[in-house]
Amino acid sequence: MLGSATGKKYLAVLADAQHLMVPTLVQYELRRWALRELDESQADQIQVASHAAQVVVLDEVVALYAAELASRYRLHALDAMIYATALVHKAELVTCDAHFEGLPNVAYLSKVGVS
């Protein structure tokens, strides 16, 4: 993952883990992806790395705000909850997920080699 061209784009962001926030929903999505694409040892390494950041658990405030954002921006449930987490915590969402491209307070970094 980090050795990929897209992963290398994120090295600067990921290097400062103390200023990162990782919603538990992102941990879920990372783990699901890693178990599908990598071996279990690599998947475990990604999970451990996510713990270096501040892990944020979904709460009622975020869940209810996510419902509003899903309706306003036509986001799927998980995307809306991830986006709401960033907004509620006054954090910038940094992502290569095209569903977030163009949304306020999002730094979208396209995947390398994908147009």
C-alpha atoms as a PDB file:
ATOM      1  CA  MET A   1       0.000   0.000   0.000  1.00  0.00           C
ATOM      2  CA  LEU A   2       2.549   2.644   1.063  1.00  0.00           C
ATOM      3  CA  GLY A   3       4.975   1.300  -1.513  1.00  0.00           C
ATOM      4  CA  SER A   4       2.455   1.964  -4.284  1.00  0.00           C
ATOM      5  CA  ALA A   5       2.516   5.206  -6.258  1.00  0.00           C
ATOM      6  CA  THR A   6      -0.663   6.354  -4.507  1.00  0.00           C
ATOM      7  CA  GLY A   7       0.736   5.358  -1.119  1.00  0.00           C
ATOM      8  CA  LYS A   8       3.836   7.462  -1.731  1.00  0.00           C
ATOM      9  CA  LYS A   9       1.592  10.523  -2.299  1.00  0.00           C
ATOM     10  CA  TYR A  10       0.308  10.043   1.256  1.00  0.00           C
ATOM     11  CA  LEU A  11       3.638   9.559   3.031  1.00  0.00           C
ATOM     12  CA  ALA A  12       3.858  13.205   4.110  1.00  0.00           C
ATOM     13  CA  VAL A  13       0.339  13.081   5.567  1.00  0.00           C
ATOM     14  CA  LEU A  14       0.864   9.756   7.317  1.00  0.00           C
ATOM     15  CA  ALA A  15       4.293  10.659   8.709  1.00  0.00           C
ATOM     16  CA  ASP A  16       2.747  12.966  11.319  1.00  0.00           C
ATOM     17  CA  ALA A  17       0.496  10.437  13.065  1.00  0.00           C
ATOM     18  CA  GLN A  18       0.048  12.547  16.205  1.00  0.00           C
ATOM     19  CA  HIS A  19      -1.962  15.044  14.120  1.00  0.00           C
ATOM     20  CA  LEU A  20      -4.053  12.400  12.384  1.00  0.00           C
ATOM     21  CA  MET A  21      -7.537  11.295  13.270  1.00  0.00           C
ATOM     22  CA  VAL A  22      -8.759   7.879  12.109  1.00  0.00           C
ATOM     23  CA  PRO A  23     -12.458   7.124  12.451  1.00  0.00           C
ATOM     24  CA  THR A  24     -13.221   3.533  13.412  1.00  0.00           C
ATOM     25  CA  LEU A  25     -15.152   3.333  10.131  1.00  0.00           C
ATOM     26  CA  VAL A  26     -11.921   4.016   8.237  1.00  0.00           C
ATOM     27  CA  GLN A  27     -10.261   1.269  10.246  1.00  0.00           C
ATOM     28  CA  TYR A  28     -13.050  -1.041   9.084  1.00  0.00           C
ATOM     29  CA  GLU A  29     -12.629  -0.036   5.437  1.00  0.00           C
ATOM     30  CA  LEU A  30      -8.833  -0.334   5.607  1.00  0.00           C
ATOM     31  CA  ARG A  31      -9.037  -3.776   7.199  1.00  0.00           C
ATOM     32  CA  ARG A  32     -11.627  -5.004   4.701  1.00  0.00           C
ATOM     33  CA  TRP A  33      -9.494  -3.772   1.789  1.00  0.00           C
ATOM     34  CA  ALA A  34      -6.260  -5.139   3.268  1.00  0.00           C
ATOM     35  CA  LEU A  35      -7.692  -8.605   3.878  1.00  0.00           C
ATOM     36  CA  ARG A  36      -8.910  -8.702   0.289  1.00  0.00           C
ATOM     37  CA  GLU A  37      -5.729  -7.331  -1.336  1.00  0.00           C
ATOM     38  CA  LEU A  38      -2.853  -8.277   0.992  1.00  0.00           C
ATOM     39  CA  ASP A  39      -1.798 -11.127   3.205  1.00  0.00           C
ATOM     40  CA  GLU A  40      -2.910 -11.186   6.842  1.00  0.00           C
ATOM     41  CA  SER A  41       0.481 -10.038   8.160  1.00  0.00           C
ATOM     42  CA  GLN A  42       0.382  -6.911   5.974  1.00  0.00           C
ATOM     43  CA  ALA A  43      -3.234  -6.313   6.982  1.00  0.00           C
ATOM     44  CA  ASP A  44      -2.168  -6.486  10.632  1.00  0.00           C
ATOM     45  CA  GLN A  45       0.619  -3.950   9.997  1.00  0.00           C
ATOM     46  CA  ILE A  46      -1.897  -1.489   8.551  1.00  0.00           C
ATOM     47  CA  GLN A  47      -4.164  -1.964  11.554  1.00  0.00           C
ATOM     48  CA  VAL A  48      -1.282  -1.326  13.963  1.00  0.00           C
ATOM     49  CA  ALA A  49      -0.263   1.788  12.008  1.00  0.00           C
ATOM     50  CA  SER A  50      -3.781   3.200  12.283  1.00  0.00           C
ATOM     51  CA  HIS A  51      -3.477   3.070  16.086  1.00  0.00           C
ATOM     52  CA  ALA A  52      -0.658   5.642  15.979  1.00  0.00           C
ATOM     53  CA  ALA A  53      -3.312   8.237  15.149  1.00  0.00           C
ATOM     54  CA  GLN A  54      -6.165   9.411  17.343  1.00  0.00           C
ATOM     55  CA  VAL A  55      -8.905   6.807  16.860  1.00  0.00           C
ATOM     56  CA  VAL A  56     -12.378   8.381  16.791  1.00  0.00           C
ATOM     57  CA  VAL A  57     -15.450   6.314  17.593  1.00  0.00           C
ATOM     58  CA  LEU A  58     -18.772   7.058  15.915  1.00  0.00           C
ATOM     59  CA  ASP A  59     -21.185   8.745  18.309  1.00  0.00           C
ATOM     60  CA  GLU A  60     -24.764   9.986  18.115  1.00  0.00           C
ATOM     61  CA  VAL A  61     -23.835  13.558  17.113  1.00  0.00           C
ATOM     62  CA  VAL A  62     -21.751  12.337  14.195  1.00  0.00           C
ATOM     63  CA  ALA A  63     -24.335   9.739  13.161  1.00  0.00           C
ATOM     64  CA  LEU A  64     -27.165  12.268  13.020  1.00  0.00           C
ATOM     65  CA  TYR A  65     -25.035  14.833  11.182  1.00  0.00           C
ATOM     66  CA  ALA A  66     -24.009  12.104   8.735  1.00  0.00           C
ATOM     67  CA  ALA A  67     -27.657  11.555   7.842  1.00  0.00           C
ATOM     68  CA  GLU A  68     -27.950  15.243   6.889  1.00  0.00           C
ATOM     69  CA  LEU A  69     -24.722  15.123   4.867  1.00  0.00           C
ATOM     70  CA  ALA A  70     -25.779  11.932   3.086  1.00  0.00           C
ATOM     71  CA  SER A  71     -28.956  13.641   1.955  1.00  0.00           C
ATOM     72  CA  ARG A  72     -27.276  16.920   0.995  1.00  0.00           C
ATOM     73  CA  TYR A  73     -24.323  15.420  -0.919  1.00  0.00           C
ATOM     74  CA  ARG A  74     -25.829  12.053  -1.933  1.00  0.00           C
ATOM     75  CA  LEU A  75     -23.205  10.082  -0.007  1.00  0.00           C
ATOM     76  CA  HIS A  76     -23.392   6.427   0.967  1.00  0.00           C
ATOM     77  CA  ALA A  77     -23.760   5.773   4.693  1.00  0.00           C
ATOM     78  CA  LEU A  78     -20.109   4.957   5.490  1.00  0.00           C
ATOM     79  CA  ASP A  79     -18.830   7.896   3.425  1.00  0.00           C
ATOM     80  CA  ALA A  80     -21.274  10.260   5.132  1.00  0.00           C
ATOM     81  CA  MET A  81     -20.209   9.060   8.588  1.00  0.00           C
ATOM     82  CA  ILE A  82     -16.519   9.453   7.752  1.00  0.00           C
ATOM     83  CA  TYR A  83     -17.136  12.944   6.348  1.00  0.00           C
ATOM     84  CA  ALA A  84     -19.270  13.931   9.352  1.00  0.00           C
ATOM     85  CA  THR A  85     -16.531  12.748  11.705  1.00  0.00           C
ATOM     86  CA  ALA A  86     -14.044  15.075  10.030  1.00  0.00           C
ATOM     87  CA  LEU A  87     -16.416  18.042  10.059  1.00  0.00           C
ATOM     88  CA  VAL A  88     -17.555  17.577  13.666  1.00  0.00           C
ATOM     89  CA  HIS A  89     -13.933  17.368  14.806  1.00  0.00           C
ATOM     90  CA  LYS A  90     -12.944  20.354  12.627  1.00  0.00           C
ATOM     91  CA  ALA A  91     -10.463  18.232  10.699  1.00  0.00           C
ATOM     92  CA  GLU A  92      -9.677  18.183   7.011  1.00  0.00           C
ATOM     93  CA  LEU A  93     -10.592  14.913   5.328  1.00  0.00           C
ATOM     94  CA  VAL A  94      -7.662  13.690   3.216  1.00  0.00           C
ATOM     95  CA  THR A  95      -8.701  10.973   0.799  1.00  0.00           C
ATOM     96  CA  CYS A  96      -8.223   9.349  -2.588  1.00  0.00           C
ATOM     97  CA  ASP A  97     -11.885   8.287  -2.629  1.00  0.00           C
ATOM     98  CA  ALA A  98     -13.507  10.095  -5.564  1.00  0.00           C
ATOM     99  CA  HIS A  99     -16.872  10.193  -3.736  1.00  0.00           C
ATOM    100  CA  PHE A 100     -15.467  13.084  -1.687  1.00  0.00           C
ATOM    101  CA  GLU A 101     -13.958  15.097  -4.542  1.00  0.00           C
ATOM    102  CA  GLY A 102     -15.182  18.705  -4.523  1.00  0.00           C
ATOM    103  CA  LEU A 103     -16.747  18.609  -1.059  1.00  0.00           C
ATOM    104  CA  PRO A 104     -15.925  21.398   1.398  1.00  0.00           C
ATOM    105  CA  ASN A 105     -13.047  20.705   3.783  1.00  0.00           C
ATOM    106  CA  VAL A 106     -11.757  17.760   1.737  1.00  0.00           C
ATOM    107  CA  ALA A 107      -8.243  17.351   0.351  1.00  0.00           C
ATOM    108  CA  TYR A 108      -8.747  14.952  -2.525  1.00  0.00           C
ATOM    109  CA  LEU A 109      -5.590  13.259  -3.817  1.00  0.00           C
ATOM    110  CA  SER A 110      -6.450  11.169  -6.846  1.00  0.00           C
ATOM    111  CA  LYS A 111      -5.036   7.691  -7.138  1.00  0.00           C
ATOM    112  CA  VAL A 112      -1.906   7.556  -9.261  1.00  0.00           C
ATOM    113  CA  GLY A 113      -2.581   6.006 -12.643  1.00  0.00           C
ATOM    114  CA  VAL A 114      -6.353   6.542 -12.384  1.00  0.00           C
ATOM    115  CA  SER A 115      -7.982   9.244 -14.447  1.00  0.00           C
END
